[in-house]
Amino acid sequence: MKAPNKEIPLLYLFVYKTLVEKFGMCNRIIPRKKILEVWRRSIHNVPRKYDYYILQEMCEYGLIEKISIQEFQLFGFDCNKKLSMNEKLKFLDSLTTKEVELIEKMAPKKFKLLGGDANKKLKKINDFFLW
């Protein structure tokens, strides 16, 4: 298990948030196939050979727990705590709308991540970091 002070990568947090929105804020057992479906709809161009490692790392960060080969438990009860623990995102809560607009003006048009909906943000992150 990863150390509790380690930050969860943003892509895992985004997929976790999407899973919680889809299945609710409760601890429930979901099939492996559903987790990977949400992953593929959110993060594009990741080869299937990494599925095992993705699920393993999500387990190590405490977002899900492996019950059997095909079933995982989603921890949704404490999702607010897990989503707010990442230090990289805490500064966004303190920004005013004027500060966000100023950051948007200063950032290059290609990498504006604060405005717009989550799918557009994720596609831009995906294009930048992945293939």
C-alpha atoms as a PDB file:
ATOM      1  CA  MET A   1       0.000   0.000   0.000  1.00  0.00           C
ATOM      2  CA  LYS A   2       1.244   3.489  -0.828  1.00  0.00           C
ATOM      3  CA  ALA A   3       2.163   5.860   1.964  1.00  0.00           C
ATOM      4  CA  PRO A   4      -0.801   8.026   3.028  1.00  0.00           C
ATOM      5  CA  ASN A   5       1.064  11.283   2.357  1.00  0.00           C
ATOM      6  CA  LYS A   6       1.646  10.384  -1.310  1.00  0.00           C
ATOM      7  CA  GLU A   7      -0.586  12.301  -3.663  1.00  0.00           C
ATOM      8  CA  ILE A   8      -2.953  10.385  -5.900  1.00  0.00           C
ATOM      9  CA  PRO A   9      -2.312  11.112  -9.602  1.00  0.00           C
ATOM     10  CA  LEU A  10      -4.896  13.417 -11.143  1.00  0.00           C
ATOM     11  CA  LEU A  11      -5.950  10.927 -13.811  1.00  0.00           C
ATOM     12  CA  TYR A  12      -6.818   8.352 -11.151  1.00  0.00           C
ATOM     13  CA  LEU A  13      -8.752  10.985  -9.209  1.00  0.00           C
ATOM     14  CA  PHE A  14     -10.684  11.950 -12.313  1.00  0.00           C
ATOM     15  CA  VAL A  15     -11.623   8.328 -13.058  1.00  0.00           C
ATOM     16  CA  TYR A  16     -12.521   7.785  -9.388  1.00  0.00           C
ATOM     17  CA  LYS A  17     -14.730  10.882  -9.416  1.00  0.00           C
ATOM     18  CA  THR A  18     -16.451   9.647 -12.576  1.00  0.00           C
ATOM     19  CA  LEU A  19     -17.021   6.227 -10.982  1.00  0.00           C
ATOM     20  CA  VAL A  20     -18.532   7.834  -7.880  1.00  0.00           C
ATOM     21  CA  GLU A  21     -20.803   9.999 -10.025  1.00  0.00           C
ATOM     22  CA  LYS A  22     -21.925   6.945 -11.991  1.00  0.00           C
ATOM     23  CA  PHE A  23     -22.385   4.459  -9.121  1.00  0.00           C
ATOM     24  CA  GLY A  24     -23.172   6.801  -6.224  1.00  0.00           C
ATOM     25  CA  MET A  25     -21.487   7.790  -2.988  1.00  0.00           C
ATOM     26  CA  CYS A  26     -21.663   4.377  -1.393  1.00  0.00           C
ATOM     27  CA  ASN A  27     -19.374   1.408  -1.018  1.00  0.00           C
ATOM     28  CA  ARG A  28     -20.464  -1.066  -3.645  1.00  0.00           C
ATOM     29  CA  ILE A  29     -19.051  -3.945  -5.611  1.00  0.00           C
ATOM     30  CA  ILE A  30     -18.618  -3.270  -9.311  1.00  0.00           C
ATOM     31  CA  PRO A  31     -17.244  -5.453 -12.102  1.00  0.00           C
ATOM     32  CA  ARG A  32     -13.755  -4.918 -13.514  1.00  0.00           C
ATOM     33  CA  LYS A  33     -15.311  -4.353 -16.917  1.00  0.00           C
ATOM     34  CA  LYS A  34     -17.261  -1.288 -15.693  1.00  0.00           C
ATOM     35  CA  ILE A  35     -14.147   0.317 -14.173  1.00  0.00           C
ATOM     36  CA  LEU A  36     -12.189  -0.154 -17.379  1.00  0.00           C
ATOM     37  CA  GLU A  37     -15.131   1.127 -19.437  1.00  0.00           C
ATOM     38  CA  VAL A  38     -15.145   4.376 -17.455  1.00  0.00           C
ATOM     39  CA  TRP A  39     -11.351   4.547 -17.791  1.00  0.00           C
ATOM     40  CA  ARG A  40     -11.456   4.145 -21.593  1.00  0.00           C
ATOM     41  CA  ARG A  41     -14.238   6.693 -21.986  1.00  0.00           C
ATOM     42  CA  SER A  42     -12.198   9.197 -19.978  1.00  0.00           C
ATOM     43  CA  ILE A  43      -8.585   8.445 -20.918  1.00  0.00           C
ATOM     44  CA  HIS A  44      -8.072   7.599 -24.554  1.00  0.00           C
ATOM     45  CA  ASN A  45      -5.292   5.652 -26.304  1.00  0.00           C
ATOM     46  CA  VAL A  46      -4.132   3.589 -23.317  1.00  0.00           C
ATOM     47  CA  PRO A  47      -3.258   0.053 -24.481  1.00  0.00           C
ATOM     48  CA  ARG A  48      -5.146  -2.847 -22.908  1.00  0.00           C
ATOM     49  CA  LYS A  49      -1.903  -4.395 -21.659  1.00  0.00           C
ATOM     50  CA  TYR A  50      -1.868  -1.710 -18.923  1.00  0.00           C
ATOM     51  CA  ASP A  51      -5.317  -2.624 -17.544  1.00  0.00           C
ATOM     52  CA  TYR A  52      -3.859  -4.798 -14.788  1.00  0.00           C
ATOM     53  CA  TYR A  53      -1.418  -2.083 -13.682  1.00  0.00           C
ATOM     54  CA  ILE A  54      -4.106   0.619 -13.714  1.00  0.00           C
ATOM     55  CA  LEU A  55      -6.373  -1.439 -11.467  1.00  0.00           C
ATOM     56  CA  GLN A  56      -3.459  -2.408  -9.224  1.00  0.00           C
ATOM     57  CA  GLU A  57      -2.417   1.222  -8.719  1.00  0.00           C
ATOM     58  CA  MET A  58      -5.989   2.298  -8.015  1.00  0.00           C
ATOM     59  CA  CYS A  59      -6.044  -0.395  -5.311  1.00  0.00           C
ATOM     60  CA  GLU A  60      -2.711   0.808  -3.895  1.00  0.00           C
ATOM     61  CA  TYR A  61      -4.045   4.360  -3.605  1.00  0.00           C
ATOM     62  CA  GLY A  62      -7.147   3.084  -1.776  1.00  0.00           C
ATOM     63  CA  LEU A  63      -9.676   4.122  -4.407  1.00  0.00           C
ATOM     64  CA  ILE A  64     -10.884   0.563  -5.011  1.00  0.00           C
ATOM     65  CA  GLU A  65     -10.224  -2.842  -3.441  1.00  0.00           C
ATOM     66  CA  LYS A  66      -9.860  -6.137  -5.274  1.00  0.00           C
ATOM     67  CA  ILE A  67     -12.379  -8.719  -4.129  1.00  0.00           C
ATOM     68  CA  SER A  68     -11.909 -11.274  -6.877  1.00  0.00           C
ATOM     69  CA  ILE A  69     -10.426 -11.347 -10.360  1.00  0.00           C
ATOM     70  CA  GLN A  70     -13.514  -9.769 -11.869  1.00  0.00           C
ATOM     71  CA  GLU A  71     -14.913  -7.723  -8.938  1.00  0.00           C
ATOM     72  CA  PHE A  72     -13.715  -4.651  -7.104  1.00  0.00           C
ATOM     73  CA  GLN A  73     -15.182  -2.632  -4.271  1.00  0.00           C
ATOM     74  CA  LEU A  74     -15.551   1.076  -4.924  1.00  0.00           C
ATOM     75  CA  PHE A  75     -15.068   3.208  -1.798  1.00  0.00           C
ATOM     76  CA  GLY A  76     -17.591   5.988  -2.333  1.00  0.00           C
ATOM     77  CA  PHE A  77     -18.480   6.918   1.264  1.00  0.00           C
ATOM     78  CA  ASP A  78     -15.259   8.849   1.819  1.00  0.00           C
ATOM     79  CA  CYS A  79     -14.956  10.202  -1.721  1.00  0.00           C
ATOM     80  CA  ASN A  80     -15.024  13.862  -0.632  1.00  0.00           C
ATOM     81  CA  LYS A  81     -12.003  13.256   1.596  1.00  0.00           C
ATOM     82  CA  LYS A  82     -10.094  11.465  -1.158  1.00  0.00           C
ATOM     83  CA  LEU A  83     -10.909  14.048  -3.807  1.00  0.00           C
ATOM     84  CA  SER A  84      -9.867  16.959  -1.598  1.00  0.00           C
ATOM     85  CA  MET A  85      -6.605  15.450  -0.310  1.00  0.00           C
ATOM     86  CA  ASN A  86      -4.578  16.220  -3.411  1.00  0.00           C
ATOM     87  CA  GLU A  87      -2.375  19.260  -2.742  1.00  0.00           C
ATOM     88  CA  LYS A  88      -2.255  20.208  -6.421  1.00  0.00           C
ATOM     89  CA  LEU A  89      -5.979  20.944  -6.496  1.00  0.00           C
ATOM     90  CA  LYS A  90      -6.350  22.731  -3.146  1.00  0.00           C
ATOM     91  CA  PHE A  91      -5.272  26.098  -4.521  1.00  0.00           C
ATOM     92  CA  LEU A  92      -8.174  26.052  -7.017  1.00  0.00           C
ATOM     93  CA  ASP A  93     -10.688  26.256  -4.169  1.00  0.00           C
ATOM     94  CA  SER A  94      -9.265  29.564  -2.992  1.00  0.00           C
ATOM     95  CA  LEU A  95      -9.282  31.292  -6.396  1.00  0.00           C
ATOM     96  CA  THR A  96     -11.895  33.918  -7.163  1.00  0.00           C
ATOM     97  CA  THR A  97     -13.562  34.138 -10.562  1.00  0.00           C
ATOM     98  CA  LYS A  98     -11.445  37.182 -11.467  1.00  0.00           C
ATOM     99  CA  GLU A  99      -8.255  35.277 -10.684  1.00  0.00           C
ATOM    100  CA  VAL A 100      -9.420  32.357 -12.809  1.00  0.00           C
ATOM    101  CA  GLU A 101     -10.135  34.726 -15.717  1.00  0.00           C
ATOM    102  CA  LEU A 102      -6.678  36.275 -15.315  1.00  0.00           C
ATOM    103  CA  ILE A 103      -5.008  32.849 -15.350  1.00  0.00           C
ATOM    104  CA  GLU A 104      -7.011  31.934 -18.449  1.00  0.00           C
ATOM    105  CA  LYS A 105      -5.805  35.074 -20.242  1.00  0.00           C
ATOM    106  CA  MET A 106      -2.172  34.414 -19.327  1.00  0.00           C
ATOM    107  CA  ALA A 107      -2.166  30.725 -20.267  1.00  0.00           C
ATOM    108  CA  PRO A 108      -1.482  29.736 -23.870  1.00  0.00           C
ATOM    109  CA  LYS A 109      -4.710  29.023 -25.709  1.00  0.00           C
ATOM    110  CA  LYS A 110      -3.670  25.415 -26.379  1.00  0.00           C
ATOM    111  CA  PHE A 111      -3.437  24.517 -22.667  1.00  0.00           C
ATOM    112  CA  LYS A 112      -6.350  26.308 -21.012  1.00  0.00           C
ATOM    113  CA  LEU A 113      -7.529  23.852 -18.396  1.00  0.00           C
ATOM    114  CA  LEU A 114      -9.588  25.879 -15.940  1.00  0.00           C
ATOM    115  CA  GLY A 115     -12.534  26.839 -18.143  1.00  0.00           C
ATOM    116  CA  GLY A 116     -14.872  24.582 -20.050  1.00  0.00           C
ATOM    117  CA  ASP A 117     -16.217  21.197 -19.161  1.00  0.00           C
ATOM    118  CA  ALA A 118     -14.274  18.229 -17.826  1.00  0.00           C
ATOM    119  CA  ASN A 119     -14.165  16.281 -21.095  1.00  0.00           C
ATOM    120  CA  LYS A 120     -12.432  19.121 -22.920  1.00  0.00           C
ATOM    121  CA  LYS A 121      -9.959  19.517 -20.062  1.00  0.00           C
ATOM    122  CA  LEU A 122      -9.201  15.841 -20.048  1.00  0.00           C
ATOM    123  CA  LYS A 123      -8.697  15.682 -23.809  1.00  0.00           C
ATOM    124  CA  LYS A 124      -6.188  18.524 -23.584  1.00  0.00           C
ATOM    125  CA  ILE A 125      -4.336  16.801 -20.749  1.00  0.00           C
ATOM    126  CA  ASN A 126      -4.490  13.563 -22.696  1.00  0.00           C
ATOM    127  CA  ASP A 127      -3.055  15.174 -25.850  1.00  0.00           C
ATOM    128  CA  PHE A 128      -0.287  16.825 -23.856  1.00  0.00           C
ATOM    129  CA  PHE A 129       0.876  13.948 -21.630  1.00  0.00           C
ATOM    130  CA  LEU A 130       0.000  10.809 -23.549  1.00  0.00           C
ATOM    131  CA  TRP A 131       0.448   9.983 -27.195  1.00  0.00           C
END
